[in-house]
Structure formats: structure tokens, C-alpha cells
């Protein structure tokens, strides 16, 4: 309820002063009310939009689930199945060998490209061997590096939901690298783990380490999700606040 205007119970000059002050207060109250109304409308609009997106997402999930159930039922009970697929396979190789009195160095790279109507899978293998020549002062030494991985472009499945997306998947298999060790006549290689998987699709991206999803960006909530974050220097929130570890935890307005 707004304040009533001042009564005329004083001189003209005093009344004009009170009326001016009243109008200034009334303008401020109207401005605050307008701002509150706008915020309320925006809150309702945002809530409605979020609810609509949530309902749409829930409906889409139900449709996908029903479709997947029907697909499994049809395939399991099918009396007749027809299937064909065009396929093209190509192998490319590269090798480099250098020998001297000090030993030998060998490097080989193999790329296999498999192309179908669904996707193109590129498989890479990198092998490097360094063998030091043995002499009377030292034993023979050997260092091995093996690295392999794949890049898949086309229709790929989400490893968590099983849904099919159009995108790119990059995986790196385990690496064996380091000096060999001989024990009881058997040769062992030092194992250096480093298995990773990156999945990039139109609906978001995922990053997996050792079979665990450590980070993803989803189109459903438009949010970035990560398991752990290390901020080396500073973390800035929008354009107004910055969190820094200099001299202890500090928050400052920028």
C-alpha cells in the first residue's frame, strides 16, 4: 500500500517541499515495485522454461526407452534377418632402422583404416626399440616403447547409456615403455599405464580415465561436470569475482 500525499495544513512553500519529497519517495517505491515485478516475471518465465525442458527431456527418455525395448523384442523374436555391409580396409606402414657401433634404433608405425557405412575407424600402432651394444665393460641394454590407439568417426555408442550418436571417439591403449629387465632368463618390460577415452558428439563430450567418466559437458543441463579441478593460478566467476590462492584463500572483486 502506497503512502498518501501530504495534507494542506501548512504554508504554500512548506507544502510544496513536502509534496516534492512525497513524489520522490513515491517514484522510488514505484521503481522498486517495478523491479520486483520484473524479477518475479523473469523467475516465473525461467521456471516455466526449466520445467518445459525437464518435461521434454523426460518425455524424450521415455520414448527412447520404449523404442529400445521394442527394438530388442523385434530382434529377439525375428524369424527372418537380412544384413549386408560395405567395407573397405587399408594398411599403411612406415619403418626406420639405424645401426652403429653403439647399438641399433628401430621405429615402426602402422596405420589401419577400416571404413564402413557406419563409421571410419583408424587404428595406429607405434613401436620404438633402442638396443645398446654390449662390450666388455657393460651388458646389453634395450628400451622398448609401444603405443597404440584408435580414432572412430561416425555413428558411435555412448559407453554409459548405449545410445547411438554422431561424433568422434579417441582412445589410447596401454603403453609399455622403459628398460627391459631380465630375471631368471625371462625378459620383462616396464608397464606405464595411460588408457584414456574421449567421446565428442553433438549432444556433449565425455572424458574417461581407466574406465571411469571423469568429466562431461551435457546439452541437457548446459553444465560442465568434472570429478576434480586443480586451479593453478586463479578462478574467475563471470566478470565480477576472482578466487586466488595467493597468501591463502582470497576472494576479490574485479
C-alpha atoms as a PDB file:
ATOM      1  CA  UNK A   1       0.000   0.000   0.000  1.00  0.00           C
ATOM      2  CA  UNK A   2       1.429   3.326  -1.060  1.00  0.00           C
ATOM      3  CA  UNK A   3       1.811   6.449   1.137  1.00  0.00           C
ATOM      4  CA  UNK A   4      -0.935   9.104   0.863  1.00  0.00           C
ATOM      5  CA  UNK A   5       0.007  12.615  -0.308  1.00  0.00           C
ATOM      6  CA  UNK A   6       0.600  15.279   2.421  1.00  0.00           C
ATOM      7  CA  UNK A   7      -2.346  17.284   3.750  1.00  0.00           C
ATOM      8  CA  UNK A   8      -2.647  21.013   3.174  1.00  0.00           C
ATOM      9  CA  UNK A   9      -2.197  22.185   6.769  1.00  0.00           C
ATOM     10  CA  UNK A  10       0.777  24.494   6.295  1.00  0.00           C
ATOM     11  CA  UNK A  11       2.040  27.363   4.173  1.00  0.00           C
ATOM     12  CA  UNK A  12       2.411  27.076   0.391  1.00  0.00           C
ATOM     13  CA  UNK A  13       6.229  26.905   0.438  1.00  0.00           C
ATOM     14  CA  UNK A  14       6.267  24.231   3.165  1.00  0.00           C
ATOM     15  CA  UNK A  15       3.548  22.246   1.370  1.00  0.00           C
ATOM     16  CA  UNK A  16       5.491  22.291  -1.926  1.00  0.00           C
ATOM     17  CA  UNK A  17       8.558  20.991  -0.112  1.00  0.00           C
ATOM     18  CA  UNK A  18       6.567  18.147   1.469  1.00  0.00           C
ATOM     19  CA  UNK A  19       4.876  17.366  -1.853  1.00  0.00           C
ATOM     20  CA  UNK A  20       8.252  17.203  -3.634  1.00  0.00           C
ATOM     21  CA  UNK A  21       9.623  14.819  -1.009  1.00  0.00           C
ATOM     22  CA  UNK A  22       6.456  12.713  -1.294  1.00  0.00           C
ATOM     23  CA  UNK A  23       6.800  12.455  -5.082  1.00  0.00           C
ATOM     24  CA  UNK A  24      10.466  11.438  -4.773  1.00  0.00           C
ATOM     25  CA  UNK A  25       9.567   8.692  -2.274  1.00  0.00           C
ATOM     26  CA  UNK A  26       6.665   7.548  -4.445  1.00  0.00           C
ATOM     27  CA  UNK A  27       8.913   7.362  -7.525  1.00  0.00           C
ATOM     28  CA  UNK A  28      11.426   5.242  -5.615  1.00  0.00           C
ATOM     29  CA  UNK A  29       8.715   2.905  -4.350  1.00  0.00           C
ATOM     30  CA  UNK A  30       7.263   2.540  -7.842  1.00  0.00           C
ATOM     31  CA  UNK A  31      10.738   1.786  -9.202  1.00  0.00           C
ATOM     32  CA  UNK A  32      11.345  -0.913  -6.587  1.00  0.00           C
ATOM     33  CA  UNK A  33       7.915  -2.385  -7.251  1.00  0.00           C
ATOM     34  CA  UNK A  34       8.580  -2.438 -10.991  1.00  0.00           C
ATOM     35  CA  UNK A  35      11.953  -4.109 -10.429  1.00  0.00           C
ATOM     36  CA  UNK A  36      10.410  -6.718  -8.109  1.00  0.00           C
ATOM     37  CA  UNK A  37       7.637  -7.397 -10.623  1.00  0.00           C
ATOM     38  CA  UNK A  38      10.166  -7.810 -13.435  1.00  0.00           C
ATOM     39  CA  UNK A  39      12.250 -10.202 -11.320  1.00  0.00           C
ATOM     40  CA  UNK A  40       9.128 -12.165 -10.423  1.00  0.00           C
ATOM     41  CA  UNK A  41       8.093 -12.414 -14.079  1.00  0.00           C
ATOM     42  CA  UNK A  42      11.612 -13.491 -15.079  1.00  0.00           C
ATOM     43  CA  UNK A  43      11.647 -16.079 -12.277  1.00  0.00           C
ATOM     44  CA  UNK A  44       8.304 -17.475 -13.438  1.00  0.00           C
ATOM     45  CA  UNK A  45       9.467 -17.463 -17.082  1.00  0.00           C
ATOM     46  CA  UNK A  46      12.735 -19.210 -16.182  1.00  0.00           C
ATOM     47  CA  UNK A  47      10.924 -21.742 -14.025  1.00  0.00           C
ATOM     48  CA  UNK A  48       8.460 -22.454 -16.806  1.00  0.00           C
ATOM     49  CA  UNK A  49      11.268 -22.857 -19.336  1.00  0.00           C
ATOM     50  CA  UNK A  50      13.178 -25.202 -16.997  1.00  0.00           C
ATOM     51  CA  UNK A  51      10.040 -27.196 -16.368  1.00  0.00           C
ATOM     52  CA  UNK A  52       9.356 -27.409 -20.095  1.00  0.00           C
ATOM     53  CA  UNK A  53      12.912 -28.575 -20.789  1.00  0.00           C
ATOM     54  CA  UNK A  54      12.707 -31.105 -17.970  1.00  0.00           C
ATOM     55  CA  UNK A  55       9.368 -32.418 -19.220  1.00  0.00           C
ATOM     56  CA  UNK A  56      10.694 -32.561 -22.784  1.00  0.00           C
ATOM     57  CA  UNK A  57      13.827 -34.395 -21.645  1.00  0.00           C
ATOM     58  CA  UNK A  58      11.780 -36.846 -19.568  1.00  0.00           C
ATOM     59  CA  UNK A  59       9.433 -37.459 -22.488  1.00  0.00           C
ATOM     60  CA  UNK A  60      12.394 -37.999 -24.838  1.00  0.00           C
ATOM     61  CA  UNK A  61      13.933 -40.506 -22.421  1.00  0.00           C
ATOM     62  CA  UNK A  62      10.635 -42.402 -22.197  1.00  0.00           C
ATOM     63  CA  UNK A  63      10.346 -42.524 -25.990  1.00  0.00           C
ATOM     64  CA  UNK A  64      13.944 -43.753 -26.341  1.00  0.00           C
ATOM     65  CA  UNK A  65      13.378 -46.394 -23.674  1.00  0.00           C
ATOM     66  CA  UNK A  66      10.190 -47.608 -25.377  1.00  0.00           C
ATOM     67  CA  UNK A  67      11.947 -47.677 -28.756  1.00  0.00           C
ATOM     68  CA  UNK A  68      14.905 -49.637 -27.310  1.00  0.00           C
ATOM     69  CA  UNK A  69      12.541 -52.143 -25.685  1.00  0.00           C
ATOM     70  CA  UNK A  70      10.602 -52.629 -28.923  1.00  0.00           C
ATOM     71  CA  UNK A  71      13.836 -52.976 -30.920  1.00  0.00           C
ATOM     72  CA  UNK A  72      15.153 -55.685 -28.566  1.00  0.00           C
ATOM     73  CA  UNK A  73      11.819 -57.522 -28.749  1.00  0.00           C
ATOM     74  CA  UNK A  74      11.749 -57.457 -32.568  1.00  0.00           C
ATOM     75  CA  UNK A  75      15.342 -58.682 -32.907  1.00  0.00           C
ATOM     76  CA  UNK A  76      14.867 -61.437 -30.317  1.00  0.00           C
ATOM     77  CA  UNK A  77      11.697 -62.771 -31.943  1.00  0.00           C
ATOM     78  CA  UNK A  78      12.642 -62.185 -35.607  1.00  0.00           C
ATOM     79  CA  UNK A  79      12.010 -65.094 -37.967  1.00  0.00           C
ATOM     80  CA  UNK A  80      13.976 -63.540 -40.815  1.00  0.00           C
ATOM     81  CA  UNK A  81      17.004 -61.230 -40.774  1.00  0.00           C
ATOM     82  CA  UNK A  82      18.665 -59.571 -43.768  1.00  0.00           C
ATOM     83  CA  UNK A  83      22.028 -57.881 -43.353  1.00  0.00           C
ATOM     84  CA  UNK A  84      24.826 -56.576 -45.578  1.00  0.00           C
ATOM     85  CA  UNK A  85      27.554 -54.018 -45.133  1.00  0.00           C
ATOM     86  CA  UNK A  86      30.096 -52.492 -47.484  1.00  0.00           C
ATOM     87  CA  UNK A  87      33.606 -52.481 -46.050  1.00  0.00           C
ATOM     88  CA  UNK A  88      36.972 -51.103 -47.149  1.00  0.00           C
ATOM     89  CA  UNK A  89      40.237 -51.958 -45.418  1.00  0.00           C
ATOM     90  CA  UNK A  90      43.655 -50.378 -45.966  1.00  0.00           C
ATOM     91  CA  UNK A  91      47.013 -50.738 -44.205  1.00  0.00           C
ATOM     92  CA  UNK A  92      49.866 -48.232 -44.286  1.00  0.00           C
ATOM     93  CA  UNK A  93      53.292 -48.935 -42.821  1.00  0.00           C
ATOM     94  CA  UNK A  94      56.455 -46.979 -42.068  1.00  0.00           C
ATOM     95  CA  UNK A  95      59.792 -48.289 -40.790  1.00  0.00           C
ATOM     96  CA  UNK A  96      63.109 -46.702 -39.869  1.00  0.00           C
ATOM     97  CA  UNK A  97      66.280 -48.574 -38.806  1.00  0.00           C
ATOM     98  CA  UNK A  98      69.655 -47.112 -37.799  1.00  0.00           C
ATOM     99  CA  UNK A  99      72.698 -49.151 -36.724  1.00  0.00           C
ATOM    100  CA  UNK A 100      76.109 -48.134 -35.423  1.00  0.00           C
ATOM    101  CA  UNK A 101      78.868 -49.418 -33.174  1.00  0.00           C
ATOM    102  CA  UNK A 102      76.880 -48.104 -30.210  1.00  0.00           C
ATOM    103  CA  UNK A 103      73.796 -50.161 -30.965  1.00  0.00           C
ATOM    104  CA  UNK A 104      70.645 -50.016 -33.060  1.00  0.00           C
ATOM    105  CA  UNK A 105      67.499 -47.914 -33.233  1.00  0.00           C
ATOM    106  CA  UNK A 106      64.253 -49.143 -34.816  1.00  0.00           C
ATOM    107  CA  UNK A 107      60.989 -47.272 -35.289  1.00  0.00           C
ATOM    108  CA  UNK A 108      57.879 -48.670 -36.959  1.00  0.00           C
ATOM    109  CA  UNK A 109      54.439 -47.142 -37.453  1.00  0.00           C
ATOM    110  CA  UNK A 110      51.369 -48.958 -38.731  1.00  0.00           C
ATOM    111  CA  UNK A 111      48.041 -47.365 -39.608  1.00  0.00           C
ATOM    112  CA  UNK A 112      44.994 -49.461 -40.415  1.00  0.00           C
ATOM    113  CA  UNK A 113      41.931 -47.728 -41.838  1.00  0.00           C
ATOM    114  CA  UNK A 114      38.633 -49.588 -41.832  1.00  0.00           C
ATOM    115  CA  UNK A 115      35.703 -47.820 -43.474  1.00  0.00           C
ATOM    116  CA  UNK A 116      32.072 -48.902 -43.436  1.00  0.00           C
ATOM    117  CA  UNK A 117      28.748 -47.182 -43.951  1.00  0.00           C
ATOM    118  CA  UNK A 118      28.517 -46.633 -40.197  1.00  0.00           C
ATOM    119  CA  UNK A 119      31.940 -45.232 -39.411  1.00  0.00           C
ATOM    120  CA  UNK A 120      35.612 -44.889 -40.215  1.00  0.00           C
ATOM    121  CA  UNK A 121      37.975 -46.496 -37.698  1.00  0.00           C
ATOM    122  CA  UNK A 122      41.636 -45.540 -37.805  1.00  0.00           C
ATOM    123  CA  UNK A 123      43.954 -47.767 -35.743  1.00  0.00           C
ATOM    124  CA  UNK A 124      47.530 -46.706 -35.051  1.00  0.00           C
ATOM    125  CA  UNK A 125      50.479 -48.660 -33.647  1.00  0.00           C
ATOM    126  CA  UNK A 126      53.837 -47.093 -32.788  1.00  0.00           C
ATOM    127  CA  UNK A 127      56.820 -49.232 -31.801  1.00  0.00           C
ATOM    128  CA  UNK A 128      60.263 -47.944 -30.889  1.00  0.00           C
ATOM    129  CA  UNK A 129      63.265 -50.042 -29.819  1.00  0.00           C
ATOM    130  CA  UNK A 130      66.672 -48.814 -28.696  1.00  0.00           C
ATOM    131  CA  UNK A 131      69.317 -51.516 -28.203  1.00  0.00           C
ATOM    132  CA  UNK A 132      72.748 -50.600 -26.834  1.00  0.00           C
ATOM    133  CA  UNK A 133      75.613 -52.781 -27.988  1.00  0.00           C
ATOM    134  CA  UNK A 134      77.304 -54.880 -25.334  1.00  0.00           C
ATOM    135  CA  UNK A 135      81.033 -54.762 -24.683  1.00  0.00           C
ATOM    136  CA  UNK A 136      83.443 -55.938 -22.036  1.00  0.00           C
ATOM    137  CA  UNK A 137      82.525 -53.041 -19.717  1.00  0.00           C
ATOM    138  CA  UNK A 138      78.750 -53.232 -19.839  1.00  0.00           C
ATOM    139  CA  UNK A 139      75.833 -55.516 -20.583  1.00  0.00           C
ATOM    140  CA  UNK A 140      73.450 -55.092 -23.492  1.00  0.00           C
ATOM    141  CA  UNK A 141      70.565 -52.706 -22.734  1.00  0.00           C
ATOM    142  CA  UNK A 142      67.245 -52.439 -24.517  1.00  0.00           C
ATOM    143  CA  UNK A 143      64.455 -49.879 -24.282  1.00  0.00           C
ATOM    144  CA  UNK A 144      61.012 -50.516 -25.740  1.00  0.00           C
ATOM    145  CA  UNK A 145      58.126 -48.122 -26.348  1.00  0.00           C
ATOM    146  CA  UNK A 146      54.769 -49.364 -27.649  1.00  0.00           C
ATOM    147  CA  UNK A 147      51.808 -47.060 -28.181  1.00  0.00           C
ATOM    148  CA  UNK A 148      48.511 -47.857 -29.869  1.00  0.00           C
ATOM    149  CA  UNK A 149      45.107 -46.272 -30.162  1.00  0.00           C
ATOM    150  CA  UNK A 150      42.050 -45.683 -32.296  1.00  0.00           C
ATOM    151  CA  UNK A 151      40.039 -42.823 -33.745  1.00  0.00           C
ATOM    152  CA  UNK A 152      36.447 -43.600 -34.706  1.00  0.00           C
ATOM    153  CA  UNK A 153      34.397 -41.122 -36.732  1.00  0.00           C
ATOM    154  CA  UNK A 154      30.719 -41.669 -37.495  1.00  0.00           C
ATOM    155  CA  UNK A 155      27.982 -43.469 -35.587  1.00  0.00           C
ATOM    156  CA  UNK A 156      29.301 -44.356 -32.137  1.00  0.00           C
ATOM    157  CA  UNK A 157      27.691 -45.620 -28.937  1.00  0.00           C
ATOM    158  CA  UNK A 158      27.773 -43.866 -25.612  1.00  0.00           C
ATOM    159  CA  UNK A 159      29.660 -46.295 -23.298  1.00  0.00           C
ATOM    160  CA  UNK A 160      27.395 -45.378 -20.386  1.00  0.00           C
ATOM    161  CA  UNK A 161      23.890 -45.231 -21.909  1.00  0.00           C
ATOM    162  CA  UNK A 162      24.371 -47.319 -25.047  1.00  0.00           C
ATOM    163  CA  UNK A 163      22.709 -44.611 -27.167  1.00  0.00           C
ATOM    164  CA  UNK A 164      23.952 -44.028 -30.714  1.00  0.00           C
ATOM    165  CA  UNK A 165      25.368 -40.599 -31.586  1.00  0.00           C
ATOM    166  CA  UNK A 166      27.137 -38.977 -34.492  1.00  0.00           C
ATOM    167  CA  UNK A 167      30.579 -37.997 -33.258  1.00  0.00           C
ATOM    168  CA  UNK A 168      34.233 -38.826 -32.731  1.00  0.00           C
ATOM    169  CA  UNK A 169      35.798 -41.214 -30.218  1.00  0.00           C
ATOM    170  CA  UNK A 170      39.529 -41.190 -29.462  1.00  0.00           C
ATOM    171  CA  UNK A 171      41.062 -43.950 -27.339  1.00  0.00           C
ATOM    172  CA  UNK A 172      44.621 -44.682 -26.292  1.00  0.00           C
ATOM    173  CA  UNK A 173      45.544 -48.167 -25.190  1.00  0.00           C
ATOM    174  CA  UNK A 174      48.101 -49.169 -22.585  1.00  0.00           C
ATOM    175  CA  UNK A 175      51.713 -48.273 -23.206  1.00  0.00           C
ATOM    176  CA  UNK A 176      54.759 -50.394 -22.394  1.00  0.00           C
ATOM    177  CA  UNK A 177      57.793 -48.205 -22.082  1.00  0.00           C
ATOM    178  CA  UNK A 178      61.145 -48.301 -20.290  1.00  0.00           C
ATOM    179  CA  UNK A 179      64.176 -50.503 -19.859  1.00  0.00           C
ATOM    180  CA  UNK A 180      63.787 -54.255 -20.029  1.00  0.00           C
ATOM    181  CA  UNK A 181      64.718 -56.393 -17.054  1.00  0.00           C
ATOM    182  CA  UNK A 182      65.920 -59.996 -17.287  1.00  0.00           C
ATOM    183  CA  UNK A 183      65.136 -62.264 -14.334  1.00  0.00           C
ATOM    184  CA  UNK A 184      65.999 -65.980 -14.437  1.00  0.00           C
ATOM    185  CA  UNK A 185      66.414 -65.776 -18.181  1.00  0.00           C
ATOM    186  CA  UNK A 186      62.987 -64.133 -18.728  1.00  0.00           C
ATOM    187  CA  UNK A 187      62.645 -60.603 -20.150  1.00  0.00           C
ATOM    188  CA  UNK A 188      60.148 -58.149 -18.614  1.00  0.00           C
ATOM    189  CA  UNK A 189      59.045 -54.707 -19.808  1.00  0.00           C
ATOM    190  CA  UNK A 190      58.160 -51.824 -17.513  1.00  0.00           C
ATOM    191  CA  UNK A 191      54.443 -51.045 -17.745  1.00  0.00           C
ATOM    192  CA  UNK A 192      53.308 -47.415 -17.898  1.00  0.00           C
ATOM    193  CA  UNK A 193      49.510 -47.129 -17.686  1.00  0.00           C
ATOM    194  CA  UNK A 194      47.765 -44.373 -19.638  1.00  0.00           C
ATOM    195  CA  UNK A 195      44.438 -45.604 -21.003  1.00  0.00           C
ATOM    196  CA  UNK A 196      42.122 -42.758 -21.963  1.00  0.00           C
ATOM    197  CA  UNK A 197      38.913 -42.295 -23.935  1.00  0.00           C
ATOM    198  CA  UNK A 198      37.493 -39.084 -25.320  1.00  0.00           C
ATOM    199  CA  UNK A 199      33.972 -39.016 -26.771  1.00  0.00           C
ATOM    200  CA  UNK A 200      32.805 -35.966 -28.741  1.00  0.00           C
ATOM    201  CA  UNK A 201      29.242 -35.754 -30.058  1.00  0.00           C
ATOM    202  CA  UNK A 202      26.706 -33.074 -30.975  1.00  0.00           C
ATOM    203  CA  UNK A 203      24.994 -33.561 -27.605  1.00  0.00           C
ATOM    204  CA  UNK A 204      28.130 -33.038 -25.483  1.00  0.00           C
ATOM    205  CA  UNK A 205      31.510 -34.559 -24.709  1.00  0.00           C
ATOM    206  CA  UNK A 206      32.888 -37.079 -22.229  1.00  0.00           C
ATOM    207  CA  UNK A 207      36.356 -37.852 -20.924  1.00  0.00           C
ATOM    208  CA  UNK A 208      37.118 -41.262 -19.422  1.00  0.00           C
ATOM    209  CA  UNK A 209      40.218 -42.384 -17.488  1.00  0.00           C
ATOM    210  CA  UNK A 210      40.766 -46.056 -16.629  1.00  0.00           C
ATOM    211  CA  UNK A 211      37.120 -46.899 -17.310  1.00  0.00           C
ATOM    212  CA  UNK A 212      35.724 -44.059 -15.154  1.00  0.00           C
ATOM    213  CA  UNK A 213      33.973 -40.973 -16.537  1.00  0.00           C
ATOM    214  CA  UNK A 214      35.902 -38.051 -15.042  1.00  0.00           C
ATOM    215  CA  UNK A 215      34.330 -35.138 -16.913  1.00  0.00           C
ATOM    216  CA  UNK A 216      31.495 -34.321 -19.301  1.00  0.00           C
ATOM    217  CA  UNK A 217      29.538 -31.439 -20.794  1.00  0.00           C
ATOM    218  CA  UNK A 218      25.862 -32.229 -21.294  1.00  0.00           C
ATOM    219  CA  UNK A 219      23.353 -30.471 -23.520  1.00  0.00           C
ATOM    220  CA  UNK A 220      20.564 -31.464 -21.123  1.00  0.00           C
ATOM    221  CA  UNK A 221      21.537 -29.005 -18.378  1.00  0.00           C
ATOM    222  CA  UNK A 222      24.154 -26.931 -20.286  1.00  0.00           C
ATOM    223  CA  UNK A 223      26.583 -27.509 -17.421  1.00  0.00           C
ATOM    224  CA  UNK A 224      30.186 -28.685 -17.232  1.00  0.00           C
ATOM    225  CA  UNK A 225      30.707 -31.612 -14.825  1.00  0.00           C
ATOM    226  CA  UNK A 226      34.148 -32.672 -13.601  1.00  0.00           C
ATOM    227  CA  UNK A 227      35.263 -35.009 -10.831  1.00  0.00           C
ATOM    228  CA  UNK A 228      38.234 -32.905  -9.671  1.00  0.00           C
ATOM    229  CA  UNK A 229      39.559 -29.444 -10.533  1.00  0.00           C
ATOM    230  CA  UNK A 230      43.007 -28.003  -9.832  1.00  0.00           C
ATOM    231  CA  UNK A 231      43.216 -24.229 -10.312  1.00  0.00           C
ATOM    232  CA  UNK A 232      46.886 -23.336 -10.743  1.00  0.00           C
ATOM    233  CA  UNK A 233      46.547 -19.563 -10.571  1.00  0.00           C
ATOM    234  CA  UNK A 234      43.077 -18.050 -10.222  1.00  0.00           C
ATOM    235  CA  UNK A 235      39.407 -18.889 -10.706  1.00  0.00           C
ATOM    236  CA  UNK A 236      37.235 -16.104 -12.112  1.00  0.00           C
ATOM    237  CA  UNK A 237      33.455 -16.230 -11.732  1.00  0.00           C
ATOM    238  CA  UNK A 238      31.781 -14.298 -14.543  1.00  0.00           C
ATOM    239  CA  UNK A 239      33.455 -10.886 -14.804  1.00  0.00           C
ATOM    240  CA  UNK A 240      32.948  -9.789 -11.227  1.00  0.00           C
ATOM    241  CA  UNK A 241      34.754 -12.072  -8.766  1.00  0.00           C
ATOM    242  CA  UNK A 242      38.104 -13.838  -8.670  1.00  0.00           C
ATOM    243  CA  UNK A 243      39.308 -16.532  -6.235  1.00  0.00           C
ATOM    244  CA  UNK A 244      43.088 -16.821  -5.779  1.00  0.00           C
ATOM    245  CA  UNK A 245      45.342 -18.914  -3.524  1.00  0.00           C
ATOM    246  CA  UNK A 246      47.991 -16.184  -3.160  1.00  0.00           C
ATOM    247  CA  UNK A 247      48.804 -15.739   0.543  1.00  0.00           C
ATOM    248  CA  UNK A 248      45.905 -18.040   1.453  1.00  0.00           C
ATOM    249  CA  UNK A 249      42.388 -18.221   0.060  1.00  0.00           C
ATOM    250  CA  UNK A 250      41.347 -14.826  -1.248  1.00  0.00           C
ATOM    251  CA  UNK A 251      38.206 -13.511  -2.936  1.00  0.00           C
ATOM    252  CA  UNK A 252      38.268 -10.145  -4.631  1.00  0.00           C
ATOM    253  CA  UNK A 253      36.011  -8.086  -6.840  1.00  0.00           C
ATOM    254  CA  UNK A 254      37.477  -7.414 -10.283  1.00  0.00           C
END
